[in-house]
C-alpha atoms as a PDB file:
ATOM      1  CA  MET A   1      17.901 284.972 228.663  1.00  0.00           C
ATOM      2  CA  ASP A   2      17.211 285.193 224.914  1.00  0.00           C
ATOM      3  CA  THR A   3      19.894 285.300 222.199  1.00  0.00           C
ATOM      4  CA  SER A   4      20.000 289.089 221.892  1.00  0.00           C
ATOM      5  CA  GLN A   5      20.370 289.466 225.664  1.00  0.00           C
ATOM      6  CA  TRP A   6      23.093 286.792 225.681  1.00  0.00           C
ATOM      7  CA  CYS A   7      25.015 288.602 222.923  1.00  0.00           C
ATOM      8  CA  ARG A   8      24.795 291.947 224.708  1.00  0.00           C
ATOM      9  CA  PHE A   9      25.883 290.425 228.026  1.00  0.00           C
ATOM     10  CA  PHE A  10      28.775 288.399 226.657  1.00  0.00           C
ATOM     11  CA  SER A  11      30.005 290.520 223.745  1.00  0.00           C
ATOM     12  CA  ARG A  12      33.429 292.046 224.053  1.00  0.00           C
ATOM     13  CA  GLU A  13      34.540 295.547 223.153  1.00  0.00           C
ATOM     14  CA  ASP A  14      35.882 294.343 219.787  1.00  0.00           C
ATOM     15  CA  GLY A  15      32.462 292.870 218.909  1.00  0.00           C
ATOM     16  CA  ARG A  16      33.591 289.249 218.892  1.00  0.00           C
ATOM     17  CA  LEU A  17      31.978 286.612 221.031  1.00  0.00           C
ATOM     18  CA  PRO A  18      34.005 284.058 222.967  1.00  0.00           C
ATOM     19  CA  ASP A  19      34.086 280.381 222.073  1.00  0.00           C
ATOM     20  CA  ALA A  20      31.043 278.422 223.246  1.00  0.00           C
ATOM     21  CA  ALA A  21      32.867 276.444 225.948  1.00  0.00           C
ATOM     22  CA  PRO A  22      33.972 279.413 228.047  1.00  0.00           C
ATOM     23  CA  SER A  23      30.568 280.943 227.407  1.00  0.00           C
ATOM     24  CA  ARG A  24      28.820 277.908 228.900  1.00  0.00           C
ATOM     25  CA  GLU A  25      31.176 278.097 231.885  1.00  0.00           C
ATOM     26  CA  ALA A  26      30.435 281.797 232.282  1.00  0.00           C
ATOM     27  CA  ILE A  27      26.673 281.224 232.140  1.00  0.00           C
ATOM     28  CA  ALA A  28      26.945 278.588 234.888  1.00  0.00           C
ATOM     29  CA  ALA A  29      29.218 280.751 237.063  1.00  0.00           C
ATOM     30  CA  PRO A  30      28.010 283.090 239.775  1.00  0.00           C
ATOM     31  CA  PRO A  31      27.291 286.538 238.274  1.00  0.00           C
ATOM     32  CA  GLY A  32      30.373 288.152 239.836  1.00  0.00           C
ATOM     33  CA  ASP A  33      32.693 285.561 238.199  1.00  0.00           C
ATOM     34  CA  ARG A  34      31.271 285.703 234.666  1.00  0.00           C
ATOM     35  CA  LEU A  35      33.367 288.535 233.307  1.00  0.00           C
ATOM     36  CA  ALA A  36      36.520 287.147 234.915  1.00  0.00           C
ATOM     37  CA  ILE A  37      36.022 283.884 233.003  1.00  0.00           C
ATOM     38  CA  LEU A  38      35.521 285.721 229.712  1.00  0.00           C
ATOM     39  CA  ASP A  39      38.426 288.122 230.303  1.00  0.00           C
ATOM     40  CA  ALA A  40      40.727 285.139 230.732  1.00  0.00           C
ATOM     41  CA  THR A  41      39.647 283.752 227.347  1.00  0.00           C
ATOM     42  CA  THR A  42      41.877 284.293 224.324  1.00  0.00           C
ATOM     43  CA  LEU A  43      39.849 284.533 221.154  1.00  0.00           C
ATOM     44  CA  LEU A  44      41.152 282.865 218.008  1.00  0.00           C
ATOM     45  CA  GLU A  45      40.025 283.742 214.522  1.00  0.00           C
ATOM     46  CA  ILE A  46      37.930 281.439 212.366  1.00  0.00           C
ATOM     47  CA  THR A  47      39.956 281.703 209.170  1.00  0.00           C
ATOM     48  CA  ALA A  48      39.372 280.235 205.718  1.00  0.00           C
ATOM     49  CA  ASP A  49      42.256 277.840 206.394  1.00  0.00           C
ATOM     50  CA  ALA A  50      40.652 276.655 209.637  1.00  0.00           C
ATOM     51  CA  THR A  51      37.301 276.164 207.920  1.00  0.00           C
ATOM     52  CA  ALA A  52      38.915 274.172 205.098  1.00  0.00           C
ATOM     53  CA  LEU A  53      40.880 272.019 207.553  1.00  0.00           C
ATOM     54  CA  SER A  54      37.723 271.363 209.550  1.00  0.00           C
ATOM     55  CA  GLN A  55      36.012 270.139 206.380  1.00  0.00           C
ATOM     56  CA  LEU A  56      38.977 267.839 205.645  1.00  0.00           C
ATOM     57  CA  PHE A  57      38.700 266.374 209.156  1.00  0.00           C
ATOM     58  CA  LEU A  58      34.996 265.655 208.572  1.00  0.00           C
ATOM     59  CA  GLU A  59      35.328 264.379 204.983  1.00  0.00           C
ATOM     60  CA  GLY A  60      38.268 262.149 205.892  1.00  0.00           C
ATOM     61  CA  GLY A  61      36.463 260.655 208.856  1.00  0.00           C
ATOM     62  CA  VAL A  62      39.106 261.956 211.260  1.00  0.00           C
ATOM     63  CA  VAL A  63      36.304 263.560 213.288  1.00  0.00           C
ATOM     64  CA  PRO A  64      32.729 262.255 213.030  1.00  0.00           C
ATOM     65  CA  ARG A  65      30.218 264.575 211.336  1.00  0.00           C
ATOM     66  CA  ALA A  66      28.194 264.600 214.534  1.00  0.00           C
ATOM     67  CA  ALA A  67      31.154 266.371 216.158  1.00  0.00           C
ATOM     68  CA  ALA A  68      31.499 269.150 213.572  1.00  0.00           C
ATOM     69  CA  ASN A  69      32.005 271.776 216.300  1.00  0.00           C
ATOM     70  CA  ASP A  70      34.896 269.748 217.678  1.00  0.00           C
ATOM     71  CA  ALA A  71      36.396 269.532 214.187  1.00  0.00           C
ATOM     72  CA  MET A  72      36.254 273.315 213.933  1.00  0.00           C
ATOM     73  CA  HIS A  73      37.835 273.784 217.368  1.00  0.00           C
ATOM     74  CA  ILE A  74      40.669 271.394 216.475  1.00  0.00           C
ATOM     75  CA  ALA A  75      41.193 273.116 213.118  1.00  0.00           C
ATOM     76  CA  ILE A  76      41.249 276.621 214.644  1.00  0.00           C
ATOM     77  CA  ALA A  77      43.758 275.469 217.276  1.00  0.00           C
ATOM     78  CA  THR A  78      45.922 273.815 214.617  1.00  0.00           C
ATOM     79  CA  VAL A  79      45.931 276.761 212.224  1.00  0.00           C
ATOM     80  CA  SER A  80      46.582 279.158 215.127  1.00  0.00           C
ATOM     81  CA  GLY A  81      49.587 277.158 216.348  1.00  0.00           C
ATOM     82  CA  VAL A  82      48.064 276.199 219.692  1.00  0.00           C
ATOM     83  CA  ASP A  83      50.273 273.632 221.425  1.00  0.00           C
ATOM     84  CA  PHE A  84      47.556 272.088 223.592  1.00  0.00           C
ATOM     85  CA  LEU A  85      43.790 271.893 223.238  1.00  0.00           C
ATOM     86  CA  VAL A  86      42.068 270.883 226.447  1.00  0.00           C
ATOM     87  CA  THR A  87      38.388 270.137 226.533  1.00  0.00           C
END
């Protein structure tokens, strides 16, 4: 499956794509379960505040630069008021 096929398959009605983790789970799931996994996913916005906080995590050494995606996930969850982030 190439990128354009992936985007068409996994895109939602509002045009946003789900976070990479549920997407990986959906790809690995049996075809009949894929949409159920994505429908159960709540999408959070990548805001300017989340991006700035992610950079602070990286610059301050709170999260290693090699884990920049994790820094962004933590920042999005923080800015969005998520109580628990499970990975």
